[in-house]
Protein backbone atom coordinates (compact mmCIF):
# COMPACT_ATOMS: atom_id res chain seq x y z
CA MET A 1 0.10 -0.01 0.04
CA ASN A 2 1.49 3.25 -1.04
CA SER A 3 1.24 6.71 0.34
CA SER A 4 -1.34 7.92 -2.04
CA ASP A 5 -3.64 4.95 -1.11
CA ILE A 6 -3.21 5.76 2.65
CA SER A 7 -3.99 9.35 2.17
CA ARG A 8 -7.07 8.64 0.10
CA LEU A 9 -8.15 6.36 2.96
CA CYS A 10 -7.47 8.82 5.63
CA SER A 11 -9.46 11.39 3.69
CA LYS A 12 -12.70 9.24 4.07
CA PHE A 13 -12.97 9.03 7.81
CA THR A 14 -12.94 11.36 10.83
CA ARG A 15 -10.04 10.51 13.19
CA MET A 16 -11.32 11.08 16.69
CA GLY A 17 -9.79 9.97 20.14
CA ASP A 18 -8.33 6.49 20.33
CA ASP A 19 -11.46 5.26 22.32
CA GLU A 20 -13.99 6.93 20.01
CA CYS A 21 -15.55 5.67 16.82
CA TRP A 22 -13.87 7.07 13.75
CA PRO A 23 -16.79 7.46 11.28
CA TRP A 24 -16.44 6.64 7.62
CA HIS A 25 -17.47 9.27 5.09
CA GLY A 26 -17.05 7.11 1.89
CA GLU A 27 -18.94 4.44 0.21
CA LEU A 28 -20.94 2.13 2.44
CA SER A 29 -22.04 -1.43 1.62
CA HIS A 30 -25.92 -2.49 1.82
CA ASN A 31 -25.47 -3.12 5.39
CA GLY A 32 -23.44 -0.04 6.35
CA HIS A 33 -20.01 -1.42 6.34
CA PRO A 34 -17.35 0.95 4.72
CA ARG A 35 -15.92 0.19 1.22
CA PHE A 36 -12.77 1.35 -0.38
CA TRP A 37 -11.19 0.94 -3.70
CA PHE A 38 -7.81 -0.55 -3.43
CA SER A 39 -5.71 -2.27 -6.13
CA GLY A 40 -8.44 -2.25 -8.69
CA LYS A 41 -11.11 -3.81 -6.46
CA LYS A 42 -13.57 -2.75 -3.79
CA VAL A 43 -12.50 -3.93 -0.35
CA PHE A 44 -13.74 -3.40 3.25
CA ALA A 45 -12.07 -0.38 4.80
CA THR A 46 -12.13 -2.17 8.16
CA HIS A 47 -9.87 -4.74 6.75
CA ILE A 48 -7.34 -2.01 5.55
CA ALA A 49 -7.62 -0.26 8.86
CA LEU A 50 -6.49 -3.47 10.62
CA LEU A 51 -3.72 -4.15 8.10
CA LEU A 52 -2.29 -0.69 8.81
CA ALA A 53 -2.40 -1.27 12.53
CA GLY A 54 -0.05 -4.15 11.97
CA LYS A 55 -2.97 -6.88 12.32
CA PRO A 56 -2.81 -8.68 8.82
CA ARG A 57 -5.88 -10.74 7.83
CA VAL A 58 -5.59 -14.43 8.70
CA ASP A 59 -7.58 -16.89 6.55
CA ASP A 60 -11.14 -15.88 5.88
CA LYS A 61 -11.78 -14.03 9.04
CA HIS A 62 -14.04 -10.94 9.20
CA ALA A 63 -13.44 -7.59 10.78
CA LEU A 64 -15.50 -7.66 13.99
CA HIS A 65 -16.65 -4.39 15.73
CA SER A 66 -16.58 -3.98 19.62
CA CYS A 67 -18.39 -0.74 19.30
CA ASP A 68 -21.51 -2.01 17.10
CA VAL A 69 -21.06 0.89 14.72
CA PRO A 70 -20.65 -0.63 11.27
CA SER A 71 -19.16 2.45 9.65
CA CYS A 72 -16.42 2.71 12.48
CA VAL A 73 -12.93 2.28 11.14
CA ASN A 74 -10.88 2.72 14.46
CA PRO A 75 -8.48 -0.19 14.58
CA ASN A 76 -8.92 -0.07 18.38
CA HIS A 77 -12.50 -1.21 17.84
CA LEU A 78 -11.84 -3.77 15.53
CA ARG A 79 -10.49 -7.34 15.62
CA TRP A 80 -10.42 -10.55 13.26
CA GLY A 81 -12.99 -13.13 13.93
CA THR A 82 -15.19 -15.74 12.41
CA ASN A 83 -18.80 -15.42 11.54
CA ARG A 84 -19.42 -17.59 14.67
CA ASP A 85 -17.57 -15.15 16.94
CA ASN A 86 -19.61 -12.44 15.54
CA ILE A 87 -22.99 -14.29 16.38
CA HIS A 88 -21.67 -14.88 19.89
CA ASP A 89 -20.79 -11.20 20.21
CA MET A 90 -24.41 -10.38 19.26
CA PHE A 91 -25.88 -12.59 21.87
CA ARG A 92 -23.55 -11.34 24.43
CA ARG A 93 -24.72 -7.84 23.73
CA ASN A 94 -28.33 -8.76 23.76
CA HIS A 95 -28.69 -8.23 19.98
CA ALA A 96 -30.12 -11.59 19.93
CA PHE A 97 -33.48 -10.81 17.96
CA VAL A 98 -32.47 -13.65 15.42
CA GLU A 99 -32.55 -16.62 17.79
CA LYS A 100 -36.18 -15.72 18.98
CA HIS A 101 -37.58 -15.67 15.42
CA ALA A 102 -35.49 -18.63 14.46
CA ASN A 103 -37.19 -20.65 17.07
CA ARG A 104 -40.63 -19.31 16.17
CA MET A 105 -40.06 -20.18 12.49
CA ARG A 106 -38.84 -23.71 13.38
CA GLU A 107 -42.09 -24.52 15.05
CA LEU A 108 -44.15 -22.95 12.14
CA ALA A 109 -42.21 -24.91 9.56
CA ARG A 110 -43.27 -28.22 11.31
CA THR A 111 -46.90 -27.45 10.64
CA LEU A 112 -46.60 -26.65 6.93
CA PRO A 113 -45.91 -28.98 4.19
CA GLN A 114 -42.39 -28.88 2.65
CA ASN A 115 -42.00 -26.31 -0.32
CA LYS A 116 -45.79 -25.77 -0.51
CA HIS A 117 -46.32 -22.24 0.92
CA VAL A 118 -45.61 -18.71 0.10
CA LEU A 119 -43.38 -16.50 2.44
CA LEU A 120 -44.93 -13.51 3.94
CA PRO A 121 -42.99 -10.15 3.65
CA SER A 122 -42.25 -10.25 7.33
CA GLN A 123 -40.91 -13.73 7.01
CA THR A 124 -38.54 -12.82 4.09
CA GLU A 125 -37.15 -9.87 6.28
CA TYR A 126 -36.55 -12.30 9.17
CA MET A 127 -34.95 -14.83 6.87
CA GLN A 128 -32.62 -12.12 5.56
CA ARG A 129 -31.64 -11.24 9.11
CA LEU A 130 -30.86 -14.96 9.80
CA LEU A 131 -28.81 -15.10 6.72
CA VAL A 132 -26.91 -12.08 7.48
CA ALA A 133 -26.27 -13.40 11.00
CA GLY A 134 -24.72 -16.49 9.58
CA TYR A 135 -27.32 -19.19 9.43
CA SER A 136 -27.05 -21.39 6.65
CA THR A 137 -29.38 -21.50 3.55
CA ARG A 138 -30.25 -25.18 4.32
CA ASP A 139 -31.19 -24.46 7.97
CA CYS A 140 -33.34 -21.39 6.75
CA ALA A 141 -35.18 -23.60 4.10
CA GLY A 142 -35.95 -26.23 6.88
CA TRP A 143 -37.19 -23.59 9.42
CA TYR A 144 -39.51 -21.83 6.91
CA GLY A 145 -40.52 -24.89 5.04
CA VAL A 146 -39.30 -23.72 1.55
CA GLY A 147 -36.79 -24.96 -0.84
CA VAL A 148 -33.10 -23.95 -0.92
CA ALA A 149 -33.60 -22.16 -4.14
CA THR A 150 -36.38 -20.01 -2.57
CA VAL A 151 -33.98 -18.92 0.26
CA ARG A 152 -31.20 -18.12 -2.39
CA LEU A 153 -33.95 -15.64 -3.98
CA VAL A 154 -34.56 -14.13 -0.55
CA ARG A 155 -30.93 -13.71 0.14
CA ALA A 156 -30.54 -11.90 -3.33
CA GLY A 157 -33.53 -9.82 -2.74
CA ARG A 158 -35.42 -11.31 -5.59
CA TYR A 159 -38.17 -13.04 -3.83
CA PHE A 160 -41.54 -11.33 -3.94
CA SER A 161 -44.26 -12.65 -1.94
CA GLN A 162 -47.51 -13.15 -3.77
CA THR A 163 -50.95 -14.23 -2.46
CA ARG A 164 -51.59 -17.74 -3.63
CA ARG A 165 -54.89 -18.24 -5.13
CA VAL A 166 -56.16 -21.86 -4.79
CA ARG A 167 -58.97 -22.88 -6.96
CA HIS A 168 -61.40 -25.33 -5.49
CA ARG A 169 -63.41 -27.52 -7.50
CA THR A 170 -66.85 -28.42 -6.23
CA ARG A 171 -67.39 -32.11 -6.41
CA ILE A 172 -70.95 -33.08 -7.53
CA VAL A 173 -72.17 -35.95 -5.74
CA GLY A 174 -74.70 -38.17 -7.36
CA ARG A 175 -75.87 -38.25 -11.06
CA ALA A 176 -77.12 -35.33 -13.08
CA THR A 177 -80.71 -35.59 -13.93
CA ARG A 178 -81.95 -35.44 -17.53
């Protein structure tokens, strides 16, 4: 990383005290995490901040925030960790909305035939939260009683709930009279 990259990076956040958040003013990802162009591709600015602080990335670890502010790039608030570590942090900090809804959806899915119902908008919203929190596509499909392909559509934001119209045929008992 050369000095022009470093100065470009530093121009996109406000450096506060060592214990305060350093808010990012550049591009943000869809979930509020800072993005930065580096070596011809978009990378997370938090990864670069940790690298510059002398903490290079190990394996496929994520930059975890101790401050719960996704746009913070203060390396004192960041550490490397797995998705599982991130979920454990969420539960420790009482951000555990996901588990409550996952249990509710698991119970609901048991009462529905597999792959035979349409998701409500609220269900797709909760499913997206589960996916972001690190739950697998297969688990979500089982909990909601839908196929893996449906979960992939929800993850991509391309699933639109529609009211399913069921046509009922009336059955005529007996013979028609002439």
